[in-house]
Amino acid sequence: MMEQSPKRSLPVSIEVGIPLVGAILLTLTLRTLYPLERVDTGVLDPAILAGLFLAAQWTYVNHSLVPAAATDRLLGGVLGIANTLTLLRGALYAVVAGFIVVPPEPPLVWVPAVAYGSGVVLDKLDGLIARSVGEETPLGARLDMAFDTFGFVAAPLVAVRWEFLPVWYLLLSAAKYVYRGGLAWRGQRDQPVYDLPESVIRRYLAGMQMVFLTIALVPVAPRRYVLAVAPFALAASLLVFARDYLVVTGRLSREVT
């Protein structure tokens, strides 16, 4: 069965202070890099929006740190090299998300593709490091999944906003939340929800999806071929979500994963 969330125990200074400091630092850094006079910010400045997204990420990290902090290790020991790289990946995805409010015009049109692609590289690197130095932990797996999900929201939103992908590709962004909503609905009705086993297919398709989204965000990518591949890339991911839902609800054998 699914694990219950741990009780909160972090001080308010950490709960609020760390996300706030992270948001301010990222916003100020991006503000010095983005040429304000040449960026049509539309509704909101992309640097500020990226900072807000980073604050939301780090608030989630604070909640995830509770079981790890119970080991009485210092913060650096709790996070480790691999999880620190995961946090950096989240910051890159926050930068991508900031471009939801920016039209695809020079000089920053390449930033989402570079930022998201760099995050994809870090995704592979943090897992490799975790396995190499023995840092594979439930905390790392939880953060990794959370940032994967965030990236699968941010990248499609920017790609659709910039008309690099059709609007129906946002089904990918909604899929995880529909999946979790279905599990929550079953929980409210006291219906069983089982643990989701590891899956080679799931990891492989997630990696392929990341590569496809990176290519889709590249300004010079041939749109004809990107749009031709898009239905197949989306369908594969949605089918895996549907399969996983059938597995965790007991309708499909766990051995097929």
C-alpha atoms as a PDB file:
ATOM      1  CA  MET A   1       0.000   0.000   0.000  1.00  0.00           C
ATOM      2  CA  MET A   2       1.048   3.629  -0.438  1.00  0.00           C
ATOM      3  CA  GLU A   3       3.135   5.159   2.350  1.00  0.00           C
ATOM      4  CA  GLN A   4       1.682   7.876   4.530  1.00  0.00           C
ATOM      5  CA  SER A   5       3.300  11.317   4.423  1.00  0.00           C
ATOM      6  CA  PRO A   6       5.591  11.955   7.382  1.00  0.00           C
ATOM      7  CA  LYS A   7       4.733  14.547  10.009  1.00  0.00           C
ATOM      8  CA  ARG A   8       6.248  17.980   9.578  1.00  0.00           C
ATOM      9  CA  SER A   9       9.182  18.853  11.818  1.00  0.00           C
ATOM     10  CA  LEU A  10      11.295  21.492  10.041  1.00  0.00           C
ATOM     11  CA  PRO A  11      11.587  24.974  11.581  1.00  0.00           C
ATOM     12  CA  VAL A  12       9.580  27.791  10.021  1.00  0.00           C
ATOM     13  CA  SER A  13      12.820  29.585   9.176  1.00  0.00           C
ATOM     14  CA  ILE A  14      13.776  26.683   6.906  1.00  0.00           C
ATOM     15  CA  GLU A  15      10.248  26.170   5.564  1.00  0.00           C
ATOM     16  CA  VAL A  16      10.033  29.787   4.405  1.00  0.00           C
ATOM     17  CA  GLY A  17      13.610  31.033   4.326  1.00  0.00           C
ATOM     18  CA  ILE A  18      15.238  28.528   1.969  1.00  0.00           C
ATOM     19  CA  PRO A  19      12.613  28.798  -0.822  1.00  0.00           C
ATOM     20  CA  LEU A  20      12.586  32.588  -0.480  1.00  0.00           C
ATOM     21  CA  VAL A  21      16.367  32.901  -0.694  1.00  0.00           C
ATOM     22  CA  GLY A  22      16.485  30.526  -3.652  1.00  0.00           C
ATOM     23  CA  ALA A  23      13.784  32.455  -5.483  1.00  0.00           C
ATOM     24  CA  ILE A  24      15.533  35.796  -4.926  1.00  0.00           C
ATOM     25  CA  LEU A  25      18.934  34.488  -6.007  1.00  0.00           C
ATOM     26  CA  LEU A  26      17.600  32.898  -9.191  1.00  0.00           C
ATOM     27  CA  THR A  27      15.527  35.971 -10.051  1.00  0.00           C
ATOM     28  CA  LEU A  28      18.473  38.339  -9.571  1.00  0.00           C
ATOM     29  CA  THR A  29      20.802  36.075 -11.552  1.00  0.00           C
ATOM     30  CA  LEU A  30      18.414  35.819 -14.485  1.00  0.00           C
ATOM     31  CA  ARG A  31      17.632  39.531 -14.344  1.00  0.00           C
ATOM     32  CA  THR A  32      21.321  40.304 -14.931  1.00  0.00           C
ATOM     33  CA  LEU A  33      21.416  37.862 -17.858  1.00  0.00           C
ATOM     34  CA  TYR A  34      18.141  38.705 -19.593  1.00  0.00           C
ATOM     35  CA  PRO A  35      18.237  41.977 -21.580  1.00  0.00           C
ATOM     36  CA  LEU A  36      15.112  43.598 -20.121  1.00  0.00           C
ATOM     37  CA  GLU A  37      14.858  46.216 -22.867  1.00  0.00           C
ATOM     38  CA  ARG A  38      14.615  43.461 -25.518  1.00  0.00           C
ATOM     39  CA  VAL A  39      12.292  41.053 -23.704  1.00  0.00           C
ATOM     40  CA  ASP A  40       8.551  41.436 -24.164  1.00  0.00           C
ATOM     41  CA  THR A  41       7.533  40.161 -20.744  1.00  0.00           C
ATOM     42  CA  GLY A  42       3.806  40.189 -21.500  1.00  0.00           C
ATOM     43  CA  VAL A  43       2.098  39.343 -18.206  1.00  0.00           C
ATOM     44  CA  LEU A  44       5.097  38.705 -15.969  1.00  0.00           C
ATOM     45  CA  ASP A  45       8.861  38.984 -16.038  1.00  0.00           C
ATOM     46  CA  PRO A  46      10.349  35.525 -16.889  1.00  0.00           C
ATOM     47  CA  ALA A  47      13.062  35.942 -14.239  1.00  0.00           C
ATOM     48  CA  ILE A  48      10.472  36.556 -11.514  1.00  0.00           C
ATOM     49  CA  LEU A  49       8.315  33.673 -12.724  1.00  0.00           C
ATOM     50  CA  ALA A  50      11.297  31.312 -12.718  1.00  0.00           C
ATOM     51  CA  GLY A  51      12.068  32.399  -9.150  1.00  0.00           C
ATOM     52  CA  LEU A  52       8.503  31.656  -8.073  1.00  0.00           C
ATOM     53  CA  PHE A  53       8.670  28.198  -9.609  1.00  0.00           C
ATOM     54  CA  LEU A  54      11.978  27.540  -7.863  1.00  0.00           C
ATOM     55  CA  ALA A  55      10.441  28.597  -4.535  1.00  0.00           C
ATOM     56  CA  ALA A  56       7.620  26.103  -5.092  1.00  0.00           C
ATOM     57  CA  GLN A  57      10.151  23.362  -5.865  1.00  0.00           C
ATOM     58  CA  TRP A  58      12.211  24.034  -2.767  1.00  0.00           C
ATOM     59  CA  THR A  59       9.103  24.101  -0.605  1.00  0.00           C
ATOM     60  CA  TYR A  60       8.443  20.580  -1.839  1.00  0.00           C
ATOM     61  CA  VAL A  61      12.059  19.653  -1.124  1.00  0.00           C
ATOM     62  CA  ASN A  62      11.635  20.859   2.473  1.00  0.00           C
ATOM     63  CA  HIS A  63       8.717  18.463   2.891  1.00  0.00           C
ATOM     64  CA  SER A  64      10.727  15.649   1.352  1.00  0.00           C
ATOM     65  CA  LEU A  65      13.676  16.277   3.671  1.00  0.00           C
ATOM     66  CA  VAL A  66      11.749  15.367   6.826  1.00  0.00           C
ATOM     67  CA  PRO A  67      12.307  11.581   6.734  1.00  0.00           C
ATOM     68  CA  ALA A  68      15.908  12.087   5.616  1.00  0.00           C
ATOM     69  CA  ALA A  69      16.602  14.627   8.345  1.00  0.00           C
ATOM     70  CA  ALA A  70      15.464  12.079  10.907  1.00  0.00           C
ATOM     71  CA  THR A  71      18.821  10.370  10.399  1.00  0.00           C
ATOM     72  CA  ASP A  72      20.412  13.322  12.241  1.00  0.00           C
ATOM     73  CA  ARG A  73      22.821  14.031   9.410  1.00  0.00           C
ATOM     74  CA  LEU A  74      23.765  17.507   8.253  1.00  0.00           C
ATOM     75  CA  LEU A  75      21.905  18.933   5.269  1.00  0.00           C
ATOM     76  CA  GLY A  76      24.817  18.237   2.965  1.00  0.00           C
ATOM     77  CA  GLY A  77      24.860  14.641   4.134  1.00  0.00           C
ATOM     78  CA  VAL A  78      21.136  14.335   3.587  1.00  0.00           C
ATOM     79  CA  LEU A  79      21.263  15.678   0.059  1.00  0.00           C
ATOM     80  CA  GLY A  80      24.618  14.431  -1.221  1.00  0.00           C
ATOM     81  CA  ILE A  81      26.131  15.058  -4.639  1.00  0.00           C
ATOM     82  CA  ALA A  82      23.436  13.278  -6.647  1.00  0.00           C
ATOM     83  CA  ASN A  83      20.514  15.059  -4.988  1.00  0.00           C
ATOM     84  CA  THR A  84      22.303  18.398  -5.297  1.00  0.00           C
ATOM     85  CA  LEU A  85      22.489  17.803  -9.049  1.00  0.00           C
ATOM     86  CA  THR A  86      18.783  16.993  -8.974  1.00  0.00           C
ATOM     87  CA  LEU A  87      18.128  20.376  -7.344  1.00  0.00           C
ATOM     88  CA  LEU A  88      20.190  22.058 -10.060  1.00  0.00           C
ATOM     89  CA  ARG A  89      18.086  20.250 -12.648  1.00  0.00           C
ATOM     90  CA  GLY A  90      14.977  21.639 -10.990  1.00  0.00           C
ATOM     91  CA  ALA A  91      16.411  25.160 -11.220  1.00  0.00           C
ATOM     92  CA  LEU A  92      17.004  24.680 -14.943  1.00  0.00           C
ATOM     93  CA  TYR A  93      13.419  23.526 -15.387  1.00  0.00           C
ATOM     94  CA  ALA A  94      12.252  26.604 -13.456  1.00  0.00           C
ATOM     95  CA  VAL A  95      14.140  28.724 -15.991  1.00  0.00           C
ATOM     96  CA  VAL A  96      12.267  26.916 -18.769  1.00  0.00           C
ATOM     97  CA  ALA A  97       8.938  27.547 -17.063  1.00  0.00           C
ATOM     98  CA  GLY A  98       9.672  31.274 -16.926  1.00  0.00           C
ATOM     99  CA  PHE A  99       9.427  31.410 -20.715  1.00  0.00           C
ATOM    100  CA  ILE A 100       5.724  30.597 -20.632  1.00  0.00           C
ATOM    101  CA  VAL A 101       5.179  34.379 -20.585  1.00  0.00           C
ATOM    102  CA  VAL A 102       7.760  35.219 -23.272  1.00  0.00           C
ATOM    103  CA  PRO A 103       7.211  35.046 -27.066  1.00  0.00           C
ATOM    104  CA  PRO A 104       9.759  33.086 -29.153  1.00  0.00           C
ATOM    105  CA  GLU A 105      11.885  36.045 -30.216  1.00  0.00           C
ATOM    106  CA  PRO A 106      15.628  36.765 -30.108  1.00  0.00           C
ATOM    107  CA  PRO A 107      17.858  36.979 -28.176  1.00  0.00           C
ATOM    108  CA  LEU A 108      16.586  34.350 -25.716  1.00  0.00           C
ATOM    109  CA  VAL A 109      14.812  31.936 -28.021  1.00  0.00           C
ATOM    110  CA  TRP A 110      17.427  29.215 -27.438  1.00  0.00           C
ATOM    111  CA  VAL A 111      17.292  29.375 -23.635  1.00  0.00           C
ATOM    112  CA  PRO A 112      14.430  26.873 -23.030  1.00  0.00           C
ATOM    113  CA  ALA A 113      15.999  24.228 -25.262  1.00  0.00           C
ATOM    114  CA  VAL A 114      19.449  24.664 -23.687  1.00  0.00           C
ATOM    115  CA  ALA A 115      18.094  24.762 -20.130  1.00  0.00           C
ATOM    116  CA  TYR A 116      15.812  21.763 -20.555  1.00  0.00           C
ATOM    117  CA  GLY A 117      18.434  19.771 -22.469  1.00  0.00           C
ATOM    118  CA  SER A 118      20.994  20.492 -19.741  1.00  0.00           C
ATOM    119  CA  GLY A 119      18.468  19.262 -17.183  1.00  0.00           C
ATOM    120  CA  VAL A 120      18.066  16.041 -19.147  1.00  0.00           C
ATOM    121  CA  VAL A 121      21.842  15.496 -19.065  1.00  0.00           C
ATOM    122  CA  LEU A 122      21.868  16.106 -15.314  1.00  0.00           C
ATOM    123  CA  ASP A 123      19.025  13.616 -14.930  1.00  0.00           C
ATOM    124  CA  LYS A 124      21.244  10.898 -16.323  1.00  0.00           C
ATOM    125  CA  LEU A 125      24.284  12.133 -14.410  1.00  0.00           C
ATOM    126  CA  ASP A 126      22.670  12.276 -10.955  1.00  0.00           C
ATOM    127  CA  GLY A 127      21.416   8.712 -11.313  1.00  0.00           C
ATOM    128  CA  LEU A 128      24.846   7.512 -12.422  1.00  0.00           C
ATOM    129  CA  ILE A 129      26.536   9.242  -9.488  1.00  0.00           C
ATOM    130  CA  ALA A 130      23.968   7.948  -7.002  1.00  0.00           C
ATOM    131  CA  ARG A 131      24.616   4.369  -8.126  1.00  0.00           C
ATOM    132  CA  SER A 132      28.389   4.837  -8.258  1.00  0.00           C
ATOM    133  CA  VAL A 133      28.846   6.283  -4.755  1.00  0.00           C
ATOM    134  CA  GLY A 134      26.010   4.451  -3.049  1.00  0.00           C
ATOM    135  CA  GLU A 135      23.708   7.470  -2.659  1.00  0.00           C
ATOM    136  CA  GLU A 136      20.527   5.818  -3.946  1.00  0.00           C
ATOM    137  CA  THR A 137      17.871   6.726  -1.373  1.00  0.00           C
ATOM    138  CA  PRO A 138      14.083   7.043  -1.178  1.00  0.00           C
ATOM    139  CA  LEU A 139      14.604  10.802  -0.918  1.00  0.00           C
ATOM    140  CA  GLY A 140      16.569  10.840  -4.163  1.00  0.00           C
ATOM    141  CA  ALA A 141      13.952   8.781  -5.965  1.00  0.00           C
ATOM    142  CA  ARG A 142      11.188  11.043  -4.686  1.00  0.00           C
ATOM    143  CA  LEU A 143      12.951  14.246  -5.754  1.00  0.00           C
ATOM    144  CA  ASP A 144      13.898  12.756  -9.106  1.00  0.00           C
ATOM    145  CA  MET A 145      10.301  11.858  -9.867  1.00  0.00           C
ATOM    146  CA  ALA A 146       9.034  15.266  -8.730  1.00  0.00           C
ATOM    147  CA  PHE A 147      11.431  17.162 -10.984  1.00  0.00           C
ATOM    148  CA  ASP A 148      10.718  14.829 -13.904  1.00  0.00           C
ATOM    149  CA  THR A 149       7.044  15.683 -13.502  1.00  0.00           C
ATOM    150  CA  PHE A 150       7.761  19.407 -13.298  1.00  0.00           C
ATOM    151  CA  GLY A 151       9.867  19.226 -16.463  1.00  0.00           C
ATOM    152  CA  PHE A 152       7.064  17.397 -18.271  1.00  0.00           C
ATOM    153  CA  VAL A 153       4.805  20.326 -17.387  1.00  0.00           C
ATOM    154  CA  ALA A 154       7.162  23.220 -18.089  1.00  0.00           C
ATOM    155  CA  ALA A 155       8.612  22.059 -21.412  1.00  0.00           C
ATOM    156  CA  PRO A 156       5.278  21.220 -23.132  1.00  0.00           C
ATOM    157  CA  LEU A 157       3.717  24.482 -21.891  1.00  0.00           C
ATOM    158  CA  VAL A 158       6.509  26.526 -23.471  1.00  0.00           C
ATOM    159  CA  ALA A 159       6.510  24.422 -26.650  1.00  0.00           C
ATOM    160  CA  VAL A 160       2.736  24.862 -27.048  1.00  0.00           C
ATOM    161  CA  ARG A 161       2.909  28.565 -26.128  1.00  0.00           C
ATOM    162  CA  TRP A 162       5.500  29.032 -28.866  1.00  0.00           C
ATOM    163  CA  GLU A 163       3.499  26.844 -31.315  1.00  0.00           C
ATOM    164  CA  PHE A 164       6.348  24.357 -31.557  1.00  0.00           C
ATOM    165  CA  LEU A 165       3.909  21.593 -30.494  1.00  0.00           C
ATOM    166  CA  PRO A 166       0.101  21.323 -30.849  1.00  0.00           C
ATOM    167  CA  VAL A 167      -2.076  22.165 -27.865  1.00  0.00           C
ATOM    168  CA  TRP A 168      -3.137  18.547 -27.373  1.00  0.00           C
ATOM    169  CA  TYR A 169       0.422  17.739 -26.310  1.00  0.00           C
ATOM    170  CA  LEU A 170      -0.488  19.285 -22.961  1.00  0.00           C
ATOM    171  CA  LEU A 171      -2.147  15.944 -22.215  1.00  0.00           C
ATOM    172  CA  LEU A 172       1.362  14.885 -21.204  1.00  0.00           C
ATOM    173  CA  SER A 173       1.473  17.665 -18.600  1.00  0.00           C
ATOM    174  CA  ALA A 174      -1.919  16.648 -17.218  1.00  0.00           C
ATOM    175  CA  ALA A 175      -1.340  12.875 -17.236  1.00  0.00           C
ATOM    176  CA  LYS A 176       0.533  12.591 -13.918  1.00  0.00           C
ATOM    177  CA  TYR A 177      -2.029  14.730 -12.098  1.00  0.00           C
ATOM    178  CA  VAL A 178      -4.932  12.752 -13.525  1.00  0.00           C
ATOM    179  CA  TYR A 179      -3.122   9.591 -12.428  1.00  0.00           C
ATOM    180  CA  ARG A 180      -2.578  10.880  -8.889  1.00  0.00           C
ATOM    181  CA  GLY A 181      -6.137  12.205  -8.762  1.00  0.00           C
ATOM    182  CA  GLY A 182      -7.447   8.761  -9.633  1.00  0.00           C
ATOM    183  CA  LEU A 183      -5.428   7.214  -6.823  1.00  0.00           C
ATOM    184  CA  ALA A 184      -6.636   9.866  -4.361  1.00  0.00           C
ATOM    185  CA  TRP A 185     -10.233   9.192  -5.420  1.00  0.00           C
ATOM    186  CA  ARG A 186      -9.753   5.485  -4.734  1.00  0.00           C
ATOM    187  CA  GLY A 187      -8.270   6.310  -1.354  1.00  0.00           C
ATOM    188  CA  GLN A 188     -11.295   8.394  -0.450  1.00  0.00           C
ATOM    189  CA  ARG A 189     -13.474   5.404  -1.263  1.00  0.00           C
ATOM    190  CA  ASP A 190     -11.258   3.043   0.784  1.00  0.00           C
ATOM    191  CA  GLN A 191     -10.306   1.073  -2.310  1.00  0.00           C
ATOM    192  CA  PRO A 192      -6.862  -0.564  -2.398  1.00  0.00           C
ATOM    193  CA  VAL A 193      -3.900   1.164  -4.018  1.00  0.00           C
ATOM    194  CA  TYR A 194      -0.760  -0.949  -4.400  1.00  0.00           C
ATOM    195  CA  ASP A 195       2.903   0.015  -4.759  1.00  0.00           C
ATOM    196  CA  LEU A 196       4.111   0.640  -8.291  1.00  0.00           C
ATOM    197  CA  PRO A 197       6.991  -1.693  -9.196  1.00  0.00           C
ATOM    198  CA  GLU A 198      10.094  -0.603 -11.058  1.00  0.00           C
ATOM    199  CA  SER A 199       9.758  -0.612 -14.833  1.00  0.00           C
ATOM    200  CA  VAL A 200      12.427  -0.573 -17.538  1.00  0.00           C
ATOM    201  CA  ILE A 201       9.832   0.504 -20.093  1.00  0.00           C
ATOM    202  CA  ARG A 202       8.755   3.460 -17.939  1.00  0.00           C
ATOM    203  CA  ARG A 203      12.324   4.715 -17.522  1.00  0.00           C
ATOM    204  CA  TYR A 204      13.105   4.223 -21.208  1.00  0.00           C
ATOM    205  CA  LEU A 205      10.027   6.094 -22.399  1.00  0.00           C
ATOM    206  CA  ALA A 206      10.613   8.917 -19.909  1.00  0.00           C
ATOM    207  CA  GLY A 207      14.112   9.359 -21.332  1.00  0.00           C
ATOM    208  CA  MET A 208      12.815   9.292 -24.885  1.00  0.00           C
ATOM    209  CA  GLN A 209      10.165  11.865 -23.972  1.00  0.00           C
ATOM    210  CA  MET A 210      12.831  14.167 -22.518  1.00  0.00           C
ATOM    211  CA  VAL A 211      14.909  13.928 -25.686  1.00  0.00           C
ATOM    212  CA  PHE A 212      11.877  14.617 -27.869  1.00  0.00           C
ATOM    213  CA  LEU A 213      10.872  17.679 -25.837  1.00  0.00           C
ATOM    214  CA  THR A 214      14.416  19.019 -26.026  1.00  0.00           C
ATOM    215  CA  ILE A 215      14.368  18.692 -29.812  1.00  0.00           C
ATOM    216  CA  ALA A 216      10.889  20.231 -29.995  1.00  0.00           C
ATOM    217  CA  LEU A 217      12.126  23.318 -28.117  1.00  0.00           C
ATOM    218  CA  VAL A 218      15.049  23.868 -30.500  1.00  0.00           C
ATOM    219  CA  PRO A 219      14.100  26.906 -32.626  1.00  0.00           C
ATOM    220  CA  VAL A 220      15.596  25.502 -35.839  1.00  0.00           C
ATOM    221  CA  ALA A 221      14.170  21.979 -35.451  1.00  0.00           C
ATOM    222  CA  PRO A 222      12.213  20.929 -38.559  1.00  0.00           C
ATOM    223  CA  ARG A 223       8.600  21.411 -37.432  1.00  0.00           C
ATOM    224  CA  ARG A 224       7.281  18.999 -40.040  1.00  0.00           C
ATOM    225  CA  TYR A 225       9.134  16.062 -38.519  1.00  0.00           C
ATOM    226  CA  VAL A 226       8.545  17.162 -34.925  1.00  0.00           C
ATOM    227  CA  LEU A 227       4.781  17.294 -35.519  1.00  0.00           C
ATOM    228  CA  ALA A 228       4.879  13.912 -37.281  1.00  0.00           C
ATOM    229  CA  VAL A 229       6.566  12.255 -34.293  1.00  0.00           C
ATOM    230  CA  ALA A 230       4.509  14.064 -31.632  1.00  0.00           C
ATOM    231  CA  PRO A 231       1.399  11.799 -31.715  1.00  0.00           C
ATOM    232  CA  PHE A 232       3.499   8.671 -31.254  1.00  0.00           C
ATOM    233  CA  ALA A 233       5.626  10.167 -28.474  1.00  0.00           C
ATOM    234  CA  LEU A 234       2.524  11.326 -26.599  1.00  0.00           C
ATOM    235  CA  ALA A 235       0.602   8.086 -27.114  1.00  0.00           C
ATOM    236  CA  ALA A 236       3.467   5.989 -25.749  1.00  0.00           C
ATOM    237  CA  SER A 237       3.643   8.014 -22.535  1.00  0.00           C
ATOM    238  CA  LEU A 238      -0.127   8.040 -22.030  1.00  0.00           C
ATOM    239  CA  LEU A 239      -0.298   4.275 -22.525  1.00  0.00           C
ATOM    240  CA  VAL A 240       2.344   3.787 -19.812  1.00  0.00           C
ATOM    241  CA  PHE A 241       0.340   5.979 -17.415  1.00  0.00           C
ATOM    242  CA  ALA A 242      -2.774   3.934 -18.172  1.00  0.00           C
ATOM    243  CA  ARG A 243      -0.893   0.674 -17.666  1.00  0.00           C
ATOM    244  CA  ASP A 244       0.581   1.867 -14.370  1.00  0.00           C
ATOM    245  CA  TYR A 245      -2.862   2.873 -13.128  1.00  0.00           C
ATOM    246  CA  LEU A 246      -4.181  -0.595 -13.910  1.00  0.00           C
ATOM    247  CA  VAL A 247      -1.226  -2.112 -12.044  1.00  0.00           C
ATOM    248  CA  VAL A 248      -1.534  -0.054  -8.852  1.00  0.00           C
ATOM    249  CA  THR A 249      -5.294  -0.576  -8.732  1.00  0.00           C
ATOM    250  CA  GLY A 250      -4.888  -4.348  -8.992  1.00  0.00           C
ATOM    251  CA  ARG A 251      -6.466  -4.718 -12.409  1.00  0.00           C
ATOM    252  CA  LEU A 252      -3.225  -5.767 -14.076  1.00  0.00           C
ATOM    253  CA  SER A 253      -0.539  -8.104 -12.829  1.00  0.00           C
ATOM    254  CA  ARG A 254       2.549  -6.410 -11.431  1.00  0.00           C
ATOM    255  CA  GLU A 255       4.693  -8.944 -13.266  1.00  0.00           C
ATOM    256  CA  VAL A 256       4.003  -7.336 -16.659  1.00  0.00           C
ATOM    257  CA  THR A 257       5.978  -4.225 -15.736  1.00  0.00           C
END
